[in-house]
Protein backbone atom coordinates (compact mmCIF):
# COMPACT_ATOMS: atom_id res chain seq x y z
CA UNK A 1 0.00 0.00 0.00
CA UNK A 2 2.80 2.41 0.91
CA UNK A 3 4.54 1.69 -2.39
CA UNK A 4 1.32 2.40 -4.25
CA UNK A 5 0.85 5.67 -2.36
CA UNK A 6 4.47 6.58 -3.05
CA UNK A 7 4.08 5.99 -6.79
CA UNK A 8 0.88 8.04 -6.77
CA UNK A 9 2.61 10.86 -4.88
CA UNK A 10 5.58 10.87 -7.28
CA UNK A 11 3.24 10.91 -10.25
CA UNK A 12 1.41 13.90 -8.77
CA UNK A 13 4.70 15.72 -8.21
CA UNK A 14 5.73 15.01 -11.79
CA UNK A 15 2.39 16.30 -13.05
CA UNK A 16 2.76 19.47 -10.98
CA UNK A 17 6.25 19.97 -12.38
CA UNK A 18 5.02 19.52 -15.95
CA UNK A 19 2.17 21.95 -15.33
CA UNK A 20 4.60 24.57 -14.00
CA UNK A 21 6.87 24.14 -17.02
CA UNK A 22 3.90 24.46 -19.35
CA UNK A 23 2.71 27.66 -17.68
CA UNK A 24 6.19 29.15 -17.82
CA UNK A 25 6.62 28.33 -21.51
CA UNK A 26 3.19 29.72 -22.38
CA UNK A 27 3.99 32.87 -20.42
CA UNK A 28 7.27 33.23 -22.30
CA UNK A 29 5.54 33.03 -25.68
CA UNK A 30 2.90 35.52 -24.48
CA UNK A 31 5.59 38.01 -23.48
CA UNK A 32 7.64 37.49 -26.62
CA UNK A 33 4.52 38.42 -28.56
CA UNK A 34 3.30 41.24 -26.31
CA UNK A 35 6.58 42.88 -25.22
CA UNK A 36 9.39 41.58 -27.41
CA UNK A 37 12.65 39.68 -26.91
CA UNK A 38 14.52 42.40 -25.03
CA UNK A 39 11.57 43.83 -23.07
CA UNK A 40 10.94 40.75 -20.96
CA UNK A 41 12.85 39.38 -17.99
CA UNK A 42 12.73 36.14 -16.04
CA UNK A 43 10.86 37.88 -13.16
CA UNK A 44 8.32 39.07 -15.75
CA UNK A 45 7.89 35.51 -17.03
CA UNK A 46 7.46 34.10 -13.53
CA UNK A 47 4.90 36.79 -12.61
CA UNK A 48 2.94 36.25 -15.84
CA UNK A 49 2.90 32.49 -15.21
CA UNK A 50 1.84 32.99 -11.59
CA UNK A 51 4.85 31.16 -10.12
CA UNK A 52 7.86 32.18 -8.05
CA UNK A 53 11.26 33.07 -9.51
CA UNK A 54 12.61 30.06 -7.66
CA UNK A 55 10.22 27.79 -9.54
CA UNK A 56 11.42 29.27 -12.82
CA UNK A 57 15.11 28.78 -12.04
CA UNK A 58 14.35 25.24 -10.88
CA UNK A 59 12.93 24.36 -14.31
CA UNK A 60 15.07 26.57 -16.57
CA UNK A 61 18.66 27.51 -15.89
CA UNK A 62 18.68 30.83 -17.78
CA UNK A 63 16.61 33.34 -19.73
CA UNK A 64 17.98 31.93 -22.98
CA UNK A 65 17.08 28.40 -21.90
CA UNK A 66 13.44 29.20 -21.25
CA UNK A 67 13.12 31.16 -24.49
CA UNK A 68 14.62 28.33 -26.55
CA UNK A 69 12.46 25.70 -24.85
CA UNK A 70 9.34 27.84 -25.24
CA UNK A 71 9.93 28.45 -28.94
CA UNK A 72 10.61 24.74 -29.41
CA UNK A 73 7.36 23.87 -27.62
CA UNK A 74 5.39 26.38 -29.72
CA UNK A 75 6.81 25.05 -33.00
CA UNK A 76 6.24 21.42 -31.97
CA UNK A 77 2.56 22.18 -31.32
CA UNK A 78 2.20 23.97 -34.65
CA UNK A 79 3.93 21.07 -36.42
CA UNK A 80 1.55 18.57 -34.81
CA UNK A 81 -1.33 20.71 -36.07
CA UNK A 82 0.12 20.66 -39.59
CA UNK A 83 0.22 16.87 -39.59
CA UNK A 84 -3.38 16.69 -38.33
CA UNK A 85 -4.43 19.10 -41.05
CA UNK A 86 -2.61 17.06 -43.71
CA UNK A 87 -4.38 13.88 -42.59
CA UNK A 88 -7.80 15.55 -42.56
CA UNK A 89 -7.07 17.34 -45.86
CA UNK A 90 -6.24 14.04 -47.56
CA UNK A 91 -9.44 12.40 -46.33
CA UNK A 92 -11.63 15.34 -47.42
CA UNK A 93 -9.75 15.88 -50.70
CA UNK A 94 -9.45 19.56 -49.84
CA UNK A 95 -8.51 22.39 -52.18
CA UNK A 96 -5.34 24.39 -52.60
CA UNK A 97 -7.30 27.45 -51.38
CA UNK A 98 -7.76 25.71 -48.03
CA UNK A 99 -4.03 25.24 -47.66
CA UNK A 100 -3.34 28.90 -48.40
CA UNK A 101 -5.97 30.00 -45.85
CA UNK A 102 -4.72 27.53 -43.25
CA UNK A 103 -1.10 28.66 -43.55
CA UNK A 104 -2.09 32.31 -43.30
CA UNK A 105 -4.10 31.59 -40.15
CA UNK A 106 -1.19 29.64 -38.62
CA UNK A 107 1.39 32.35 -39.29
CA UNK A 108 -0.82 35.35 -38.48
CA UNK A 109 -2.00 33.85 -35.18
CA UNK A 110 1.08 35.01 -33.23
CA UNK A 111 3.51 32.49 -34.74
CA UNK A 112 5.34 34.82 -37.10
CA UNK A 113 5.09 37.82 -34.76
CA UNK A 114 6.93 35.73 -32.16
CA UNK A 115 9.38 34.61 -34.84
CA UNK A 116 10.14 38.25 -35.64
CA UNK A 117 11.25 38.66 -32.03
CA UNK A 118 13.72 35.79 -31.78
CA UNK A 119 15.11 35.75 -35.34
CA UNK A 120 17.56 38.65 -34.76
CA UNK A 121 19.00 36.81 -31.75
CA UNK A 122 19.28 33.58 -33.77
CA UNK A 123 21.22 35.49 -36.42
CA UNK A 124 23.88 36.65 -33.98
CA UNK A 125 23.87 33.88 -31.35
CA UNK A 126 25.27 30.65 -32.83
CA UNK A 127 24.27 28.44 -29.89
CA UNK A 128 20.73 29.81 -29.82
CA UNK A 129 20.46 29.27 -33.58
CA UNK A 130 21.85 25.73 -33.42
CA UNK A 131 19.30 24.70 -30.80
CA UNK A 132 16.38 25.97 -32.88
CA UNK A 133 17.40 24.56 -36.27
CA UNK A 134 16.27 20.94 -35.58
CA UNK A 135 12.77 21.93 -34.46
CA UNK A 136 12.43 24.37 -37.38
CA UNK A 137 13.30 21.49 -39.70
CA UNK A 138 10.50 19.44 -38.14
CA UNK A 139 8.14 22.37 -38.72
CA UNK A 140 9.10 22.43 -42.40
CA UNK A 141 8.57 18.66 -42.57
CA UNK A 142 5.03 19.30 -41.35
CA UNK A 143 4.55 21.86 -44.11
CA UNK A 144 5.87 19.36 -46.67
CA UNK A 145 3.35 16.78 -45.44
CA UNK A 146 0.47 19.12 -46.31
CA UNK A 147 1.72 20.02 -49.77
CA UNK A 148 2.73 16.44 -50.57
CA UNK A 149 -0.92 15.39 -50.35
CA UNK A 150 -1.84 17.99 -52.95
CA UNK A 151 1.16 17.14 -55.15
CA UNK A 152 0.35 13.41 -55.25
CA UNK A 153 -3.29 14.01 -56.11
CA UNK A 154 -2.39 16.41 -58.93
CA UNK A 155 0.64 14.40 -60.10
CA UNK A 156 2.88 17.38 -59.48
CA UNK A 157 6.58 16.81 -58.85
CA UNK A 158 7.32 17.07 -55.11
CA UNK A 159 10.13 19.56 -55.68
CA UNK A 160 7.82 21.84 -57.65
CA UNK A 161 5.24 21.65 -54.87
CA UNK A 162 7.99 22.53 -52.39
CA UNK A 163 8.88 25.64 -54.39
CA UNK A 164 5.23 26.77 -54.30
CA UNK A 165 5.16 26.08 -50.55
CA UNK A 166 8.29 28.15 -49.93
CA UNK A 167 7.04 30.96 -52.16
CA UNK A 168 3.79 30.98 -50.16
CA UNK A 169 5.63 31.09 -46.85
CA UNK A 170 7.94 33.89 -48.02
CA UNK A 171 4.99 35.92 -49.29
CA UNK A 172 3.09 35.49 -46.04
CA UNK A 173 6.11 36.32 -43.87
CA UNK A 174 6.53 39.56 -45.80
CA UNK A 175 2.83 40.38 -45.54
CA UNK A 176 2.74 39.74 -41.79
CA UNK A 177 5.87 41.81 -41.24
CA UNK A 178 4.12 44.64 -43.11
CA UNK A 179 1.14 44.50 -40.73
CA UNK A 180 3.38 46.02 -38.04
CA UNK A 181 3.05 49.38 -39.82
CA UNK A 182 0.00 48.79 -42.01
CA UNK A 183 -3.27 47.67 -40.43
CA UNK A 184 -5.30 47.05 -43.58
CA UNK A 185 -7.20 43.71 -43.60
CA UNK A 186 -8.81 44.21 -47.06
CA UNK A 187 -5.35 44.78 -48.56
CA UNK A 188 -4.02 41.50 -47.16
CA UNK A 189 -7.21 39.63 -48.12
CA UNK A 190 -6.81 40.84 -51.72
CA UNK A 191 -3.19 39.66 -51.77
CA UNK A 192 -4.23 36.24 -50.46
CA UNK A 193 -6.97 35.95 -53.08
CA UNK A 194 -4.46 36.83 -55.79
CA UNK A 195 -2.05 34.19 -54.52
CA UNK A 196 -4.75 31.52 -54.36
CA UNK A 197 -5.32 32.07 -58.07
CA UNK A 198 -1.60 31.61 -58.75
CA UNK A 199 -1.46 28.39 -56.72
CA UNK A 200 -4.54 26.91 -58.43
CA UNK A 201 -2.75 27.05 -61.77
CA UNK A 202 -0.19 24.56 -60.48
CA UNK A 203 -2.76 22.18 -58.95
CA UNK A 204 -5.61 22.09 -61.52
CA UNK A 205 -7.31 19.00 -60.11
CA UNK A 206 -7.82 20.71 -56.74
CA UNK A 207 -9.39 23.73 -58.44
CA UNK A 208 -12.44 21.67 -59.46
CA UNK A 209 -13.81 22.02 -55.94
CA UNK A 210 -13.36 25.80 -55.91
CA UNK A 211 -16.57 27.73 -56.66
CA UNK A 212 -16.48 29.68 -59.92
């Protein structure tokens, strides 16, 4: 009985620890988005997460450590969502328009704004960059999974589909960066509609489901 209670107690402690880590990482992403890379401190993160500074230093040894781990966690969740979308998209035989809309929603929902905050540090900090590269590669593998479904259905060469994917991502990154100084939803909607038309030309079979 004591052993069983001990296992249960250890499991509860582990769950509490995981919950604290999760809250700290979510708080870090919130502050990266709301304040920026250099306008947030570890006390700010702890306060936003509702935990003590001691709890933060127990789970993460430095400010850089918690930022790296938080960005990794965010990208892993987005990547998992990409794979779920790819699976659902394949079953529904979705359209290329859906992919364009989905990617815009993913990037514009904080992801690329947060990326804008840590990219300058990754450029100048080799260790920080090296720790993020593997998880960014997994993110791109998730993107490939979505476009591969469309490429197979339309008998499009995978490399050509990858070029369209990268062009889409580059366009959207530029558009989202522009929103910092230009708040103009109709302008961005018109650009997305234009790009959907360009993408349809490369995946004609998927265009059959798009209303005229």
